[in-house]
Amino acid sequence: MNVVLNGDVQSEEAICLTPNDRAFQYGDGLFETIRYEQNEVRFWPDHYDRITRGMDAFSLRLPAQFDRDLLLSQILDLLKINNLLHQPARIKLQVWRQPGGLYTPTSSQANFLITARSGSDFAVTEKPVVGVFDAFRLSPSAVSAYKTLNALPYVLAGIAKQKHNADDMILLDTHGHLAECIASNLFWITDNQLFTPALESGCIDGILRRQLLRLAPQHGFSIHQGLFLPDVLARVDAVLCTNVSGIQWIRQIGETTFDKSPQNRLQAVFANL
């Protein structure tokens, strides 16, 4: 497979990162996972907005080749080179600071890498059993809304998921409020109300989260973002999690099970995702 490194197409085998690379040494960077489906890079303006906001929060300068339209053109060229233009694909865009310094960097220049691999269609599926992960809590900050290269909380939650034979885990913030799942945002439904943790919980500003918050009111839902304790989920109609790959309905959290019937209420919203 080929990749794009700083605007140049190269083979994966040709990519060589030095031992002092700041992505490796400090996790000093960000990434986006992007869906390509039906000949479209889905929600590209939102992805570009989020990663450039993240770069600003990291005090990283935009490379010359990081113009929104030029970057999209490079993504499409890479899909063509990798024979992925006519099938679903998963694109990853990574940005990190160039070498120099220790904890205090000496550069604000950024490297960027684009990869593209075969993916799957957007799907609405189920997660039978989901647990609550409480061993490492998320802390809201100036960078918590972005996908950073330091993913330790999610790695530890993934290990706990395996240990407990669960299908996912819900992470909490430092005060015990609901935040998000391992790789997706968390939502729940009560009547015609759609709830989700606010960004102040430390959750990611997810791309599908943005779409649901934008589209659901057009289909009769009122939106509630806030800080909620886990026991609120014992009194709701349905729980779901979202990411660019799809929607997953949660069937059980702890001893609480959820009905399938509310799914139909969001079908019109899902049709636009």
Protein backbone atom coordinates (compact mmCIF):
# COMPACT_ATOMS: atom_id res chain seq x y z
CA MET A 1 0.00 0.00 0.00
CA ASN A 2 1.03 3.59 -0.58
CA VAL A 3 0.74 6.52 1.82
CA VAL A 4 1.12 10.30 1.63
CA LEU A 5 3.83 11.80 3.85
CA ASN A 6 4.03 15.59 3.89
CA GLY A 7 2.37 15.76 0.48
CA ASP A 8 4.51 13.09 -1.20
CA VAL A 9 3.22 9.64 -2.19
CA GLN A 10 5.48 6.86 -0.88
CA SER A 11 5.25 3.15 -0.24
CA GLU A 12 4.57 2.11 3.35
CA GLU A 13 7.92 0.32 3.40
CA ALA A 14 9.76 3.56 2.62
CA ILE A 15 8.44 5.37 5.70
CA CYS A 16 11.05 5.57 8.44
CA LEU A 17 10.53 7.49 11.68
CA THR A 18 13.59 8.48 13.69
CA PRO A 19 14.01 7.54 17.40
CA ASN A 20 13.56 11.20 18.40
CA ASP A 21 10.25 11.51 16.55
CA ARG A 22 7.86 13.39 18.81
CA ALA A 23 4.87 11.22 17.92
CA PHE A 24 6.81 8.26 19.31
CA GLN A 25 8.47 10.07 22.21
CA TYR A 26 5.62 12.23 23.50
CA GLY A 27 2.42 11.48 21.60
CA ASP A 28 2.71 15.09 20.41
CA GLY A 29 0.06 15.05 17.71
CA LEU A 30 -3.48 14.34 16.56
CA PHE A 31 -5.37 12.15 14.12
CA GLU A 32 -8.65 11.79 12.25
CA THR A 33 -10.33 8.56 11.14
CA ILE A 34 -12.39 9.26 8.04
CA ARG A 35 -14.94 7.17 6.13
CA TYR A 36 -14.98 6.97 2.34
CA GLU A 37 -18.20 5.56 0.93
CA GLN A 38 -20.25 5.96 -2.26
CA ASN A 39 -17.48 7.99 -3.91
CA GLU A 40 -17.41 10.57 -1.13
CA VAL A 41 -15.04 11.44 1.69
CA ARG A 42 -17.78 11.67 4.30
CA PHE A 43 -18.06 14.80 6.45
CA TRP A 44 -14.72 16.11 5.21
CA PRO A 45 -15.38 19.75 6.27
CA ASP A 46 -16.05 18.57 9.85
CA HIS A 47 -12.91 16.44 9.94
CA TYR A 48 -10.80 19.28 8.58
CA ASP A 49 -12.33 21.72 11.05
CA ARG A 50 -11.63 19.44 14.01
CA ILE A 51 -8.03 18.62 13.16
CA THR A 52 -7.11 22.24 12.39
CA ARG A 53 -8.71 23.38 15.64
CA GLY A 54 -6.71 20.67 17.38
CA MET A 55 -3.51 21.82 15.70
CA ASP A 56 -4.19 25.34 16.93
CA ALA A 57 -4.65 23.99 20.47
CA PHE A 58 -1.31 22.15 20.08
CA SER A 59 0.39 25.31 18.71
CA LEU A 60 1.14 23.50 15.45
CA ARG A 61 1.45 25.44 12.21
CA LEU A 62 -0.50 24.23 9.20
CA PRO A 63 1.89 22.87 6.53
CA ALA A 64 1.68 24.53 3.12
CA GLN A 65 0.02 21.41 1.68
CA PHE A 66 -2.64 21.42 4.42
CA ASP A 67 -5.17 23.56 2.55
CA ARG A 68 -8.60 21.93 2.85
CA ASP A 69 -9.17 21.40 -0.87
CA LEU A 70 -5.58 20.37 -1.58
CA LEU A 71 -5.64 17.86 1.26
CA LEU A 72 -8.90 16.39 -0.02
CA SER A 73 -7.33 16.06 -3.47
CA GLN A 74 -4.38 14.19 -1.95
CA ILE A 75 -6.77 11.82 -0.16
CA LEU A 76 -8.64 11.08 -3.40
CA ASP A 77 -5.36 10.56 -5.28
CA LEU A 78 -4.21 8.10 -2.61
CA LEU A 79 -7.50 6.19 -2.82
CA LYS A 80 -7.02 5.93 -6.58
CA ILE A 81 -3.40 4.78 -6.29
CA ASN A 82 -4.40 2.13 -3.72
CA ASN A 83 -7.32 0.94 -5.91
CA LEU A 84 -9.91 2.00 -3.32
CA LEU A 85 -11.95 4.55 -5.26
CA HIS A 86 -14.85 2.18 -5.95
CA GLN A 87 -15.28 0.58 -2.54
CA PRO A 88 -15.68 1.65 1.10
CA ALA A 89 -12.39 2.74 2.62
CA ARG A 90 -11.00 3.87 5.96
CA ILE A 91 -8.71 6.88 5.83
CA LYS A 92 -6.46 8.01 8.65
CA LEU A 93 -4.92 11.47 8.78
CA GLN A 94 -2.18 11.94 11.38
CA VAL A 95 -0.41 15.18 12.28
CA TRP A 96 2.50 15.53 14.69
CA ARG A 97 5.24 17.99 15.65
CA GLN A 98 8.60 17.80 13.95
CA PRO A 99 11.61 16.75 16.09
CA GLY A 100 13.31 19.07 18.53
CA GLY A 101 13.41 19.56 22.28
CA LEU A 102 12.23 17.41 25.14
CA TYR A 103 8.97 18.25 26.92
CA THR A 104 9.52 21.80 25.68
CA PRO A 105 9.49 21.61 21.87
CA THR A 106 11.71 23.74 19.66
CA SER A 107 9.45 23.62 16.62
CA SER A 108 5.86 24.37 15.72
CA GLN A 109 6.20 22.76 12.29
CA ALA A 110 4.11 19.66 11.65
CA ASN A 111 4.47 16.43 9.72
CA PHE A 112 1.38 14.78 8.32
CA LEU A 113 0.63 11.26 7.11
CA ILE A 114 -2.38 9.98 5.17
CA THR A 115 -3.15 6.26 4.98
CA ALA A 116 -6.06 4.55 3.23
CA ARG A 117 -7.22 0.95 3.57
CA SER A 118 -10.23 -1.09 2.65
CA GLY A 119 -13.17 -0.38 4.95
CA SER A 120 -16.79 -1.35 5.46
CA ASP A 121 -20.13 0.31 4.78
CA PHE A 122 -21.73 2.49 7.43
CA ALA A 123 -23.87 0.11 9.50
CA VAL A 124 -26.42 0.10 12.30
CA THR A 125 -25.54 -2.79 14.62
CA GLU A 126 -25.81 -3.82 18.27
CA LYS A 127 -23.50 -4.15 21.27
CA PRO A 128 -25.02 -6.86 23.49
CA VAL A 129 -23.17 -6.09 26.74
CA VAL A 130 -21.40 -2.88 27.78
CA GLY A 131 -19.62 -2.23 31.07
CA VAL A 132 -18.50 0.88 32.95
CA PHE A 133 -14.75 1.55 33.18
CA ASP A 134 -13.78 3.41 36.36
CA ALA A 135 -10.05 2.72 36.73
CA PHE A 136 -8.90 5.71 34.66
CA ARG A 137 -11.12 8.77 34.36
CA LEU A 138 -11.18 11.40 31.65
CA SER A 139 -10.34 14.99 32.46
CA PRO A 140 -11.75 17.86 30.37
CA SER A 141 -9.06 20.16 29.00
CA ALA A 142 -8.19 22.41 26.08
CA VAL A 143 -7.33 19.31 24.00
CA SER A 144 -9.77 16.67 25.31
CA ALA A 145 -12.24 17.20 22.45
CA TYR A 146 -9.64 16.12 19.87
CA LYS A 147 -8.27 12.73 18.90
CA THR A 148 -4.72 12.86 20.22
CA LEU A 149 -1.90 10.37 19.69
CA ASN A 150 -1.95 9.64 23.43
CA ALA A 151 -4.85 7.18 23.70
CA LEU A 152 -3.93 5.53 27.01
CA PRO A 153 -7.39 5.81 28.67
CA TYR A 154 -8.98 4.05 25.71
CA VAL A 155 -6.28 1.37 25.59
CA LEU A 156 -6.81 0.59 29.28
CA ALA A 157 -10.58 0.55 28.77
CA GLY A 158 -10.06 -1.85 25.87
CA ILE A 159 -8.06 -4.19 28.12
CA ALA A 160 -10.84 -4.04 30.72
CA LYS A 161 -13.40 -4.82 28.01
CA GLN A 162 -11.53 -8.00 27.13
CA LYS A 163 -11.09 -8.96 30.77
CA HIS A 164 -14.83 -8.63 31.46
CA ASN A 165 -15.95 -10.22 28.16
CA ALA A 166 -17.86 -7.05 27.29
CA ASP A 167 -18.50 -5.53 23.87
CA ASP A 168 -17.53 -2.01 24.94
CA MET A 169 -16.90 0.09 28.03
CA ILE A 170 -18.27 3.47 29.09
CA LEU A 171 -15.63 5.88 30.39
CA LEU A 172 -16.35 8.45 33.12
CA ASP A 173 -14.96 11.90 33.84
CA THR A 174 -13.07 12.86 36.99
CA HIS A 175 -16.34 13.50 38.85
CA GLY A 176 -17.92 10.22 37.81
CA HIS A 177 -20.12 11.61 35.03
CA LEU A 178 -20.76 9.66 31.85
CA ALA A 179 -18.30 10.63 29.10
CA GLU A 180 -18.11 8.26 26.12
CA CYS A 181 -17.37 4.71 24.97
CA ILE A 182 -13.94 3.44 23.92
CA ALA A 183 -14.14 4.60 20.30
CA SER A 184 -17.52 6.30 20.09
CA ASN A 185 -19.77 8.93 21.60
CA LEU A 186 -22.63 8.00 23.90
CA PHE A 187 -26.31 8.91 23.46
CA TRP A 188 -29.59 7.85 25.02
CA ILE A 189 -33.27 8.41 24.31
CA THR A 190 -36.22 9.16 26.57
CA ASP A 191 -39.47 9.77 24.69
CA ASN A 192 -38.54 12.30 21.97
CA GLN A 193 -35.52 13.61 23.83
CA LEU A 194 -31.95 12.82 22.83
CA PHE A 195 -29.28 13.11 25.54
CA THR A 196 -25.50 13.07 25.30
CA PRO A 197 -22.60 14.02 27.61
CA ALA A 198 -21.36 17.57 27.07
CA LEU A 199 -17.80 18.18 25.89
CA GLU A 200 -17.12 19.34 29.46
CA SER A 201 -17.11 15.64 30.39
CA GLY A 202 -13.84 15.24 28.47
CA CYS A 203 -15.44 13.31 25.62
CA ILE A 204 -14.31 13.57 22.01
CA ASP A 205 -16.08 16.09 19.77
CA GLY A 206 -17.13 13.23 17.50
CA ILE A 207 -18.00 13.76 13.85
CA LEU A 208 -21.14 11.58 14.04
CA ARG A 209 -21.98 13.29 17.32
CA ARG A 210 -22.02 16.59 15.44
CA GLN A 211 -24.31 15.16 12.77
CA LEU A 212 -26.82 13.73 15.26
CA LEU A 213 -26.97 16.99 17.20
CA ARG A 214 -27.58 18.84 13.93
CA LEU A 215 -30.10 16.45 12.36
CA ALA A 216 -32.15 15.09 15.27
CA PRO A 217 -34.04 18.36 15.94
CA GLN A 218 -35.19 18.30 12.31
CA HIS A 219 -36.98 15.03 13.10
CA GLY A 220 -38.77 16.04 16.28
CA PHE A 221 -36.11 15.39 18.92
CA SER A 222 -35.11 17.88 21.58
CA ILE A 223 -31.40 17.82 22.44
CA HIS A 224 -29.91 17.77 25.93
CA GLN A 225 -26.15 18.03 26.50
CA GLY A 226 -24.93 17.96 30.08
CA LEU A 227 -23.13 16.15 32.88
CA PHE A 228 -24.97 12.98 33.90
CA LEU A 229 -24.19 10.26 36.45
CA PRO A 230 -24.36 6.62 35.31
CA ASP A 231 -27.55 5.85 37.24
CA VAL A 232 -29.53 7.99 34.77
CA LEU A 233 -29.23 5.14 32.26
CA ALA A 234 -31.47 2.93 34.41
CA ARG A 235 -34.43 5.15 33.49
CA VAL A 236 -34.08 5.63 29.72
CA ASP A 237 -35.70 4.02 26.70
CA ALA A 238 -32.59 3.22 24.66
CA VAL A 239 -28.82 3.76 24.60
CA LEU A 240 -26.58 3.99 21.55
CA CYS A 241 -23.03 4.88 20.62
CA THR A 242 -21.82 6.53 17.43
CA ASN A 243 -18.66 6.89 15.37
CA VAL A 244 -17.85 7.34 11.68
CA SER A 245 -18.22 3.58 11.10
CA GLY A 246 -21.82 3.42 12.27
CA ILE A 247 -24.42 3.36 15.02
CA GLN A 248 -24.40 0.68 17.72
CA TRP A 249 -27.46 0.10 19.89
CA ILE A 250 -26.54 -1.06 23.39
CA ARG A 251 -28.64 -3.92 24.70
CA GLN A 252 -27.37 -4.14 28.30
CA ILE A 253 -25.34 -2.07 30.77
CA GLY A 254 -24.77 -3.84 34.07
CA GLU A 255 -28.13 -5.29 35.09
CA THR A 256 -30.16 -2.86 32.97
CA THR A 257 -31.48 -3.99 29.58
CA PHE A 258 -32.90 -1.80 26.84
CA ASP A 259 -35.76 -2.24 24.40
CA LYS A 260 -35.31 -2.31 20.63
CA SER A 261 -38.50 -0.38 19.89
CA PRO A 262 -37.06 3.19 20.04
CA GLN A 263 -34.76 2.40 17.10
CA ASN A 264 -37.40 3.36 14.54
CA ARG A 265 -37.54 6.91 15.88
CA LEU A 266 -34.04 7.66 14.58
CA GLN A 267 -34.17 5.85 11.22
CA ALA A 268 -34.85 9.07 9.31
CA VAL A 269 -31.81 10.65 10.98
CA PHE A 270 -29.58 7.66 10.23
CA ALA A 271 -30.52 7.85 6.54
CA ASN A 272 -28.46 11.05 6.29
CA LEU A 273 -25.33 9.59 7.85
